[in-house]
Amino acid sequence: MAIQSYKEEARAATGTTDWVRVNQKQWPFEVHALVDVSGGADLTYTVQFAIEPLIDEQDVSVTAYNLPEMISKTASDQRAIVAPITGVRLNITAWTSGTGTLRVRQGEIDD
């Protein structure tokens, strides 16, 4: 399965972005998740992750866990995730204006 090493998902309303699927078999595992909040935006977001296999990017059957360091944020922030996960997404929990963009990068593996 080809996994992109970089992907963006943006949202300008309440709700979640699609899942960004990552390769949980990478060793050592590391995914960098960064959220850019547009200038003048009035929004609150939480970054969520999954540990169950994802059927596709819109999978609603998996449990979404909140990334503890990125709950109820209102400004741009970033974190490295070092425990294996299967996907990450952005959840805009309150929105008046602006855009939140999740940027995800994972190193590539040579087969």
C-alpha atoms as a PDB file:
ATOM      1  CA  MET A   1       0.000   0.000   0.000  1.00  0.00           C
ATOM      2  CA  ALA A   2       1.442   3.360  -1.028  1.00  0.00           C
ATOM      3  CA  ILE A   3       1.320   5.874   1.806  1.00  0.00           C
ATOM      4  CA  GLN A   4       1.855   9.536   1.040  1.00  0.00           C
ATOM      5  CA  SER A   5       4.610  11.094   3.075  1.00  0.00           C
ATOM      6  CA  TYR A   6       2.852  14.505   3.153  1.00  0.00           C
ATOM      7  CA  LYS A   7      -0.818  15.454   3.051  1.00  0.00           C
ATOM      8  CA  GLU A   8      -3.026  18.435   3.886  1.00  0.00           C
ATOM      9  CA  GLU A   9      -6.676  18.582   4.920  1.00  0.00           C
ATOM     10  CA  ALA A  10      -8.418  21.940   5.431  1.00  0.00           C
ATOM     11  CA  ARG A  11     -11.748  22.813   7.028  1.00  0.00           C
ATOM     12  CA  ALA A  12     -13.655  26.112   7.290  1.00  0.00           C
ATOM     13  CA  ALA A  13     -16.680  24.974   9.340  1.00  0.00           C
ATOM     14  CA  THR A  14     -17.394  22.788  12.349  1.00  0.00           C
ATOM     15  CA  GLY A  15     -16.828  19.049  11.883  1.00  0.00           C
ATOM     16  CA  THR A  16     -13.961  16.799  10.922  1.00  0.00           C
ATOM     17  CA  THR A  17     -11.644  16.531   7.957  1.00  0.00           C
ATOM     18  CA  ASP A  18     -11.051  13.225   6.221  1.00  0.00           C
ATOM     19  CA  TRP A  19      -8.589  10.906   7.931  1.00  0.00           C
ATOM     20  CA  VAL A  20      -4.985  11.202   6.813  1.00  0.00           C
ATOM     21  CA  ARG A  21      -3.836   7.595   6.692  1.00  0.00           C
ATOM     22  CA  VAL A  22      -0.305   6.822   7.876  1.00  0.00           C
ATOM     23  CA  ASN A  23       1.896   3.746   7.804  1.00  0.00           C
ATOM     24  CA  GLN A  24       1.737   2.293  11.326  1.00  0.00           C
ATOM     25  CA  LYS A  25       4.375  -0.290  10.419  1.00  0.00           C
ATOM     26  CA  GLN A  26       7.136   2.287   9.967  1.00  0.00           C
ATOM     27  CA  TRP A  27       9.996   1.778  12.410  1.00  0.00           C
ATOM     28  CA  PRO A  28      10.925   3.911  14.165  1.00  0.00           C
ATOM     29  CA  PHE A  29       7.431   5.390  13.967  1.00  0.00           C
ATOM     30  CA  GLU A  30       6.958   9.149  13.799  1.00  0.00           C
ATOM     31  CA  VAL A  31       4.289  11.385  12.315  1.00  0.00           C
ATOM     32  CA  HIS A  32       4.435  15.159  12.475  1.00  0.00           C
ATOM     33  CA  ALA A  33       1.024  16.872  12.747  1.00  0.00           C
ATOM     34  CA  LEU A  34       0.821  20.641  12.323  1.00  0.00           C
ATOM     35  CA  VAL A  35      -2.328  22.772  12.301  1.00  0.00           C
ATOM     36  CA  ASP A  36      -2.218  26.174  10.595  1.00  0.00           C
ATOM     37  CA  VAL A  37      -4.972  28.552  11.662  1.00  0.00           C
ATOM     38  CA  SER A  38      -5.563  31.303   9.101  1.00  0.00           C
ATOM     39  CA  GLY A  39      -4.940  34.909  10.123  1.00  0.00           C
ATOM     40  CA  GLY A  40      -7.909  36.461  11.893  1.00  0.00           C
ATOM     41  CA  ALA A  41      -9.638  33.094  12.285  1.00  0.00           C
ATOM     42  CA  ASP A  42     -12.055  32.523  15.141  1.00  0.00           C
ATOM     43  CA  LEU A  43     -12.148  28.752  15.621  1.00  0.00           C
ATOM     44  CA  THR A  44     -11.360  26.014  18.117  1.00  0.00           C
ATOM     45  CA  TYR A  45      -9.933  22.653  17.068  1.00  0.00           C
ATOM     46  CA  THR A  46      -8.753  19.309  18.365  1.00  0.00           C
ATOM     47  CA  VAL A  47      -6.455  16.874  16.554  1.00  0.00           C
ATOM     48  CA  GLN A  48      -7.675  13.277  16.673  1.00  0.00           C
ATOM     49  CA  PHE A  49      -6.024   9.947  15.903  1.00  0.00           C
ATOM     50  CA  ALA A  50      -7.113   6.358  15.272  1.00  0.00           C
ATOM     51  CA  ILE A  51      -5.411   3.095  16.173  1.00  0.00           C
ATOM     52  CA  GLU A  52      -7.830   0.720  14.413  1.00  0.00           C
ATOM     53  CA  PRO A  53      -7.468  -0.123  10.711  1.00  0.00           C
ATOM     54  CA  LEU A  54      -9.141   2.504   8.514  1.00  0.00           C
ATOM     55  CA  ILE A  55     -11.364   1.290   5.682  1.00  0.00           C
ATOM     56  CA  ASP A  56     -10.958   4.608   3.852  1.00  0.00           C
ATOM     57  CA  GLU A  57     -10.420   8.314   4.536  1.00  0.00           C
ATOM     58  CA  GLN A  58     -14.095   8.814   5.502  1.00  0.00           C
ATOM     59  CA  ASP A  59     -14.269   5.804   7.864  1.00  0.00           C
ATOM     60  CA  VAL A  60     -16.692   6.559  10.725  1.00  0.00           C
ATOM     61  CA  SER A  61     -16.533   3.074  12.278  1.00  0.00           C
ATOM     62  CA  VAL A  62     -13.233   3.627  14.114  1.00  0.00           C
ATOM     63  CA  THR A  63     -12.831   5.299  17.495  1.00  0.00           C
ATOM     64  CA  ALA A  64     -11.344   8.801  17.286  1.00  0.00           C
ATOM     65  CA  TYR A  65      -9.056   9.644  20.213  1.00  0.00           C
ATOM     66  CA  ASN A  66      -8.075  13.216  21.064  1.00  0.00           C
ATOM     67  CA  LEU A  67      -4.356  13.979  20.963  1.00  0.00           C
ATOM     68  CA  PRO A  68      -3.875  15.226  24.563  1.00  0.00           C
ATOM     69  CA  GLU A  69      -1.524  18.083  23.656  1.00  0.00           C
ATOM     70  CA  MET A  70      -3.856  19.402  20.935  1.00  0.00           C
ATOM     71  CA  ILE A  71      -7.309  19.707  22.519  1.00  0.00           C
ATOM     72  CA  SER A  72      -9.367  22.930  22.330  1.00  0.00           C
ATOM     73  CA  LYS A  73      -6.652  24.907  20.548  1.00  0.00           C
ATOM     74  CA  THR A  74      -7.290  28.323  18.992  1.00  0.00           C
ATOM     75  CA  ALA A  75      -3.866  29.060  17.478  1.00  0.00           C
ATOM     76  CA  SER A  76      -1.491  27.197  15.166  1.00  0.00           C
ATOM     77  CA  ASP A  77       0.375  24.345  16.856  1.00  0.00           C
ATOM     78  CA  GLN A  78       2.320  21.177  16.076  1.00  0.00           C
ATOM     79  CA  ARG A  79       3.250  17.839  17.633  1.00  0.00           C
ATOM     80  CA  ALA A  80       5.208  14.703  16.850  1.00  0.00           C
ATOM     81  CA  ILE A  81       3.322  11.434  17.355  1.00  0.00           C
ATOM     82  CA  VAL A  82       5.712   8.578  18.145  1.00  0.00           C
ATOM     83  CA  ALA A  83       3.316   5.755  19.076  1.00  0.00           C
ATOM     84  CA  PRO A  84       1.974   3.826  16.067  1.00  0.00           C
ATOM     85  CA  ILE A  85      -1.412   5.066  14.821  1.00  0.00           C
ATOM     86  CA  THR A  86      -3.371   4.445  11.623  1.00  0.00           C
ATOM     87  CA  GLY A  87      -4.636   7.952  10.917  1.00  0.00           C
ATOM     88  CA  VAL A  88      -4.976  11.537  12.073  1.00  0.00           C
ATOM     89  CA  ARG A  89      -7.649  14.176  11.410  1.00  0.00           C
ATOM     90  CA  LEU A  90      -8.693  17.688  12.386  1.00  0.00           C
ATOM     91  CA  ASN A  91     -11.910  18.293  14.320  1.00  0.00           C
ATOM     92  CA  ILE A  92     -13.166  21.896  14.287  1.00  0.00           C
ATOM     93  CA  THR A  93     -15.289  22.047  17.433  1.00  0.00           C
ATOM     94  CA  ALA A  94     -16.287  25.740  17.269  1.00  0.00           C
ATOM     95  CA  TRP A  95     -16.176  28.019  14.247  1.00  0.00           C
ATOM     96  CA  THR A  96     -17.086  31.603  13.438  1.00  0.00           C
ATOM     97  CA  SER A  97     -14.574  32.394  10.698  1.00  0.00           C
ATOM     98  CA  GLY A  98     -11.323  31.291   9.089  1.00  0.00           C
ATOM     99  CA  THR A  99      -9.737  28.003   8.134  1.00  0.00           C
ATOM    100  CA  GLY A 100      -7.831  25.311   9.989  1.00  0.00           C
ATOM    101  CA  THR A 101      -5.401  23.296   7.874  1.00  0.00           C
ATOM    102  CA  LEU A 102      -3.939  20.014   9.116  1.00  0.00           C
ATOM    103  CA  ARG A 103      -0.538  19.230   7.602  1.00  0.00           C
ATOM    104  CA  VAL A 104       0.790  15.716   8.181  1.00  0.00           C
ATOM    105  CA  ARG A 105       4.282  14.458   7.332  1.00  0.00           C
ATOM    106  CA  GLN A 106       5.713  10.999   7.783  1.00  0.00           C
ATOM    107  CA  GLY A 107       9.140   9.843   6.723  1.00  0.00           C
ATOM    108  CA  GLU A 108       9.311   7.301   3.905  1.00  0.00           C
ATOM    109  CA  ILE A 109      10.500   3.723   4.190  1.00  0.00           C
ATOM    110  CA  ASP A 110      12.792   2.109   1.656  1.00  0.00           C
ATOM    111  CA  ASP A 111      11.430  -1.312   0.723  1.00  0.00           C
END
